[in-house]
Amino acid sequence: MTDSDRREAARDEVIVEREREFVDAEGTRWRVKETSFSHYDRRRGRSLIFWSDGAVRRVRSYPADWYELSENELVQLSWNI
């Protein structure tokens, strides 16, 4: 691991990973969490992970204020895979 990789990993560790729960129109309970890409992923950045009992979705392009979106807006965002 290079010095640059170590600095980036340390920076990622101090970023707060927000998490939120919501229920969609069909009654499915979802959780969504903002997290850093895996260190094994050649891309760098953050993504939103949506998960329920029956599905998991990853969204790499999302607004900075995602945490304040309505439940309907979060459902729409979750399909931006």
N, C-alpha and C. Protein backbone atom coordinates (compact mmCIF):
# COMPACT_ATOMS: atom_id res chain seq x y z
N MET A 1 0.85 -1.17 0.00
CA MET A 1 0.00 0.00 0.00
C MET A 1 0.89 1.23 0.00
N THR A 2 0.62 2.15 -0.92
CA THR A 2 1.43 3.36 -1.02
C THR A 2 1.00 4.37 0.05
N ASP A 3 1.83 5.41 0.24
CA ASP A 3 1.47 6.47 1.18
C ASP A 3 0.16 7.13 0.79
N SER A 4 -0.05 7.34 -0.50
CA SER A 4 -1.29 7.93 -0.98
C SER A 4 -2.50 7.07 -0.62
N ASP A 5 -2.37 5.75 -0.79
CA ASP A 5 -3.45 4.83 -0.43
C ASP A 5 -3.74 4.87 1.06
N ARG A 6 -2.68 4.96 1.89
CA ARG A 6 -2.86 5.02 3.34
C ARG A 6 -3.57 6.30 3.76
N ARG A 7 -3.19 7.44 3.12
CA ARG A 7 -3.85 8.71 3.44
C ARG A 7 -5.33 8.65 3.06
N GLU A 8 -5.61 8.09 1.90
CA GLU A 8 -7.00 8.00 1.45
C GLU A 8 -7.81 7.07 2.36
N ALA A 9 -7.22 5.97 2.77
CA ALA A 9 -7.91 5.04 3.66
C ALA A 9 -8.19 5.71 5.01
N ALA A 10 -7.22 6.46 5.53
CA ALA A 10 -7.41 7.16 6.80
C ALA A 10 -8.51 8.21 6.66
N ARG A 11 -8.54 8.92 5.54
CA ARG A 11 -9.57 9.93 5.32
C ARG A 11 -10.94 9.28 5.26
N ASP A 12 -11.06 8.14 4.60
CA ASP A 12 -12.33 7.43 4.50
C ASP A 12 -12.84 6.98 5.87
N GLU A 13 -11.93 6.64 6.77
CA GLU A 13 -12.32 6.15 8.09
C GLU A 13 -12.97 7.23 8.93
N VAL A 14 -12.63 8.51 8.72
CA VAL A 14 -13.19 9.57 9.54
C VAL A 14 -14.50 10.11 8.99
N ILE A 15 -14.88 9.71 7.79
CA ILE A 15 -16.15 10.15 7.22
C ILE A 15 -17.28 9.39 7.90
N VAL A 16 -18.27 10.13 8.38
CA VAL A 16 -19.40 9.52 9.04
C VAL A 16 -20.25 8.80 8.00
N GLU A 17 -20.59 7.58 8.28
CA GLU A 17 -21.43 6.82 7.38
C GLU A 17 -22.87 6.92 7.87
N ARG A 18 -23.66 7.74 7.17
CA ARG A 18 -25.05 7.93 7.55
C ARG A 18 -25.87 6.71 7.16
N GLU A 19 -26.91 6.47 7.95
CA GLU A 19 -27.80 5.35 7.68
C GLU A 19 -29.23 5.80 7.98
N ARG A 20 -30.16 5.25 7.21
CA ARG A 20 -31.55 5.64 7.37
C ARG A 20 -32.46 4.47 6.99
N GLU A 21 -33.65 4.42 7.58
CA GLU A 21 -34.66 3.42 7.24
C GLU A 21 -35.88 4.12 6.67
N PHE A 22 -36.58 3.41 5.75
CA PHE A 22 -37.84 3.92 5.23
C PHE A 22 -38.67 2.75 4.72
N VAL A 23 -39.95 3.02 4.50
CA VAL A 23 -40.87 2.01 3.98
C VAL A 23 -41.40 2.52 2.66
N ASP A 24 -41.34 1.66 1.61
CA ASP A 24 -41.83 2.08 0.30
C ASP A 24 -43.35 1.92 0.22
N ALA A 25 -43.93 2.30 -0.91
CA ALA A 25 -45.39 2.27 -1.10
C ALA A 25 -45.96 0.86 -1.02
N GLU A 26 -45.13 -0.16 -1.26
CA GLU A 26 -45.59 -1.55 -1.19
C GLU A 26 -45.45 -2.14 0.21
N GLY A 27 -44.95 -1.34 1.16
CA GLY A 27 -44.80 -1.80 2.54
C GLY A 27 -43.47 -2.47 2.83
N THR A 28 -42.53 -2.43 1.89
CA THR A 28 -41.21 -3.02 2.10
C THR A 28 -40.35 -2.08 2.92
N ARG A 29 -39.76 -2.61 3.97
CA ARG A 29 -38.85 -1.82 4.81
C ARG A 29 -37.46 -1.87 4.20
N TRP A 30 -36.90 -0.70 3.95
CA TRP A 30 -35.56 -0.56 3.37
C TRP A 30 -34.64 0.13 4.36
N ARG A 31 -33.38 -0.21 4.27
CA ARG A 31 -32.32 0.54 4.95
C ARG A 31 -31.40 1.06 3.87
N VAL A 32 -30.86 2.23 4.10
CA VAL A 32 -29.91 2.81 3.14
C VAL A 32 -28.74 3.38 3.94
N LYS A 33 -27.54 3.15 3.43
CA LYS A 33 -26.33 3.59 4.11
C LYS A 33 -25.34 4.13 3.10
N GLU A 34 -24.70 5.24 3.45
CA GLU A 34 -23.64 5.81 2.62
C GLU A 34 -22.32 5.22 3.08
N THR A 35 -21.55 4.70 2.15
CA THR A 35 -20.31 4.03 2.52
C THR A 35 -19.23 4.23 1.45
N SER A 36 -18.00 4.07 1.83
CA SER A 36 -16.87 4.17 0.89
C SER A 36 -16.81 2.92 0.03
N PHE A 37 -16.30 3.07 -1.19
CA PHE A 37 -16.06 1.91 -2.04
C PHE A 37 -15.06 1.01 -1.33
N SER A 38 -15.10 -0.25 -1.63
CA SER A 38 -14.15 -1.21 -1.10
C SER A 38 -12.73 -0.80 -1.51
N HIS A 39 -11.76 -1.12 -0.69
CA HIS A 39 -10.36 -0.83 -1.03
C HIS A 39 -9.90 -1.69 -2.21
N TYR A 40 -10.66 -2.72 -2.52
CA TYR A 40 -10.32 -3.59 -3.65
C TYR A 40 -10.92 -3.08 -4.96
N ASP A 41 -11.79 -2.08 -4.88
CA ASP A 41 -12.40 -1.48 -6.07
C ASP A 41 -11.44 -0.45 -6.63
N ARG A 42 -11.15 -0.51 -7.92
CA ARG A 42 -10.18 0.42 -8.50
C ARG A 42 -10.72 1.85 -8.54
N ARG A 43 -12.05 1.98 -8.50
CA ARG A 43 -12.65 3.32 -8.43
C ARG A 43 -12.61 3.80 -7.00
N ARG A 44 -12.58 5.09 -6.81
CA ARG A 44 -12.60 5.66 -5.47
C ARG A 44 -13.85 6.50 -5.32
N GLY A 45 -14.36 6.55 -4.13
CA GLY A 45 -15.52 7.37 -3.89
C GLY A 45 -16.45 6.74 -2.87
N ARG A 46 -17.70 7.17 -2.91
CA ARG A 46 -18.70 6.70 -1.96
C ARG A 46 -19.93 6.25 -2.73
N SER A 47 -20.72 5.43 -2.10
CA SER A 47 -21.96 4.98 -2.72
C SER A 47 -23.02 4.80 -1.65
N LEU A 48 -24.26 4.70 -2.10
CA LEU A 48 -25.37 4.38 -1.23
C LEU A 48 -25.71 2.91 -1.44
N ILE A 49 -25.89 2.20 -0.34
CA ILE A 49 -26.31 0.81 -0.39
C ILE A 49 -27.73 0.76 0.17
N PHE A 50 -28.66 0.28 -0.66
CA PHE A 50 -30.05 0.09 -0.24
C PHE A 50 -30.24 -1.41 -0.05
N TRP A 51 -30.87 -1.83 1.05
CA TRP A 51 -31.15 -3.24 1.21
C TRP A 51 -32.45 -3.46 1.97
N SER A 52 -33.11 -4.55 1.59
CA SER A 52 -34.33 -5.02 2.23
C SER A 52 -34.20 -6.53 2.38
N ASP A 53 -35.26 -7.18 2.83
CA ASP A 53 -35.20 -8.64 2.95
C ASP A 53 -35.05 -9.32 1.60
N GLY A 54 -35.48 -8.65 0.50
CA GLY A 54 -35.47 -9.31 -0.79
C GLY A 54 -34.55 -8.74 -1.84
N ALA A 55 -33.84 -7.64 -1.53
CA ALA A 55 -33.01 -7.02 -2.58
C ALA A 55 -31.91 -6.16 -1.98
N VAL A 56 -30.88 -5.96 -2.80
CA VAL A 56 -29.78 -5.03 -2.46
C VAL A 56 -29.49 -4.22 -3.71
N ARG A 57 -29.30 -2.92 -3.53
CA ARG A 57 -28.97 -2.04 -4.65
C ARG A 57 -27.83 -1.11 -4.23
N ARG A 58 -26.94 -0.81 -5.19
CA ARG A 58 -25.85 0.14 -4.96
C ARG A 58 -26.02 1.30 -5.93
N VAL A 59 -25.96 2.51 -5.40
CA VAL A 59 -26.08 3.72 -6.23
C VAL A 59 -24.80 4.53 -6.03
N ARG A 60 -24.10 4.79 -7.12
CA ARG A 60 -22.82 5.50 -7.04
C ARG A 60 -22.96 7.00 -7.31
N SER A 61 -24.05 7.39 -7.94
CA SER A 61 -24.25 8.81 -8.24
C SER A 61 -25.52 9.27 -7.52
N TYR A 62 -25.35 10.15 -6.54
CA TYR A 62 -26.48 10.58 -5.72
C TYR A 62 -26.21 11.97 -5.17
N PRO A 63 -27.27 12.69 -4.79
CA PRO A 63 -27.08 14.06 -4.28
C PRO A 63 -26.49 14.06 -2.86
N ALA A 64 -25.78 15.11 -2.54
CA ALA A 64 -25.16 15.22 -1.22
C ALA A 64 -26.20 15.25 -0.10
N ASP A 65 -27.39 15.73 -0.41
CA ASP A 65 -28.44 15.83 0.60
C ASP A 65 -29.38 14.62 0.60
N TRP A 66 -28.91 13.47 0.14
CA TRP A 66 -29.74 12.27 0.04
C TRP A 66 -30.44 11.96 1.35
N TYR A 67 -29.80 12.26 2.46
CA TYR A 67 -30.33 11.93 3.78
C TYR A 67 -31.63 12.69 4.08
N GLU A 68 -31.84 13.79 3.40
CA GLU A 68 -33.02 14.62 3.63
C GLU A 68 -34.13 14.38 2.60
N LEU A 69 -33.93 13.46 1.66
CA LEU A 69 -34.94 13.18 0.64
C LEU A 69 -36.16 12.49 1.25
N SER A 70 -37.30 12.65 0.59
CA SER A 70 -38.51 11.97 1.04
C SER A 70 -38.38 10.47 0.75
N GLU A 71 -39.27 9.69 1.33
CA GLU A 71 -39.25 8.25 1.09
C GLU A 71 -39.45 7.95 -0.40
N ASN A 72 -40.38 8.65 -1.05
CA ASN A 72 -40.61 8.44 -2.48
C ASN A 72 -39.37 8.78 -3.29
N GLU A 73 -38.68 9.87 -2.94
CA GLU A 73 -37.45 10.25 -3.64
C GLU A 73 -36.36 9.21 -3.44
N LEU A 74 -36.28 8.63 -2.24
CA LEU A 74 -35.29 7.58 -1.98
C LEU A 74 -35.58 6.33 -2.82
N VAL A 75 -36.86 5.99 -2.95
CA VAL A 75 -37.22 4.84 -3.79
C VAL A 75 -36.76 5.09 -5.22
N GLN A 76 -37.06 6.26 -5.76
CA GLN A 76 -36.64 6.59 -7.12
C GLN A 76 -35.12 6.55 -7.25
N LEU A 77 -34.43 7.11 -6.27
CA LEU A 77 -32.97 7.13 -6.29
C LEU A 77 -32.40 5.71 -6.27
N SER A 78 -33.04 4.81 -5.54
CA SER A 78 -32.53 3.44 -5.42
C SER A 78 -32.51 2.71 -6.76
N TRP A 79 -33.27 3.17 -7.74
CA TRP A 79 -33.28 2.55 -9.06
C TRP A 79 -32.23 3.14 -9.98
N ASN A 80 -31.45 4.12 -9.53
CA ASN A 80 -30.35 4.71 -10.33
C ASN A 80 -29.10 3.86 -10.20
N ILE A 81 -29.23 2.62 -10.49
CA ILE A 81 -28.13 1.65 -10.31
C ILE A 81 -27.09 1.84 -11.39
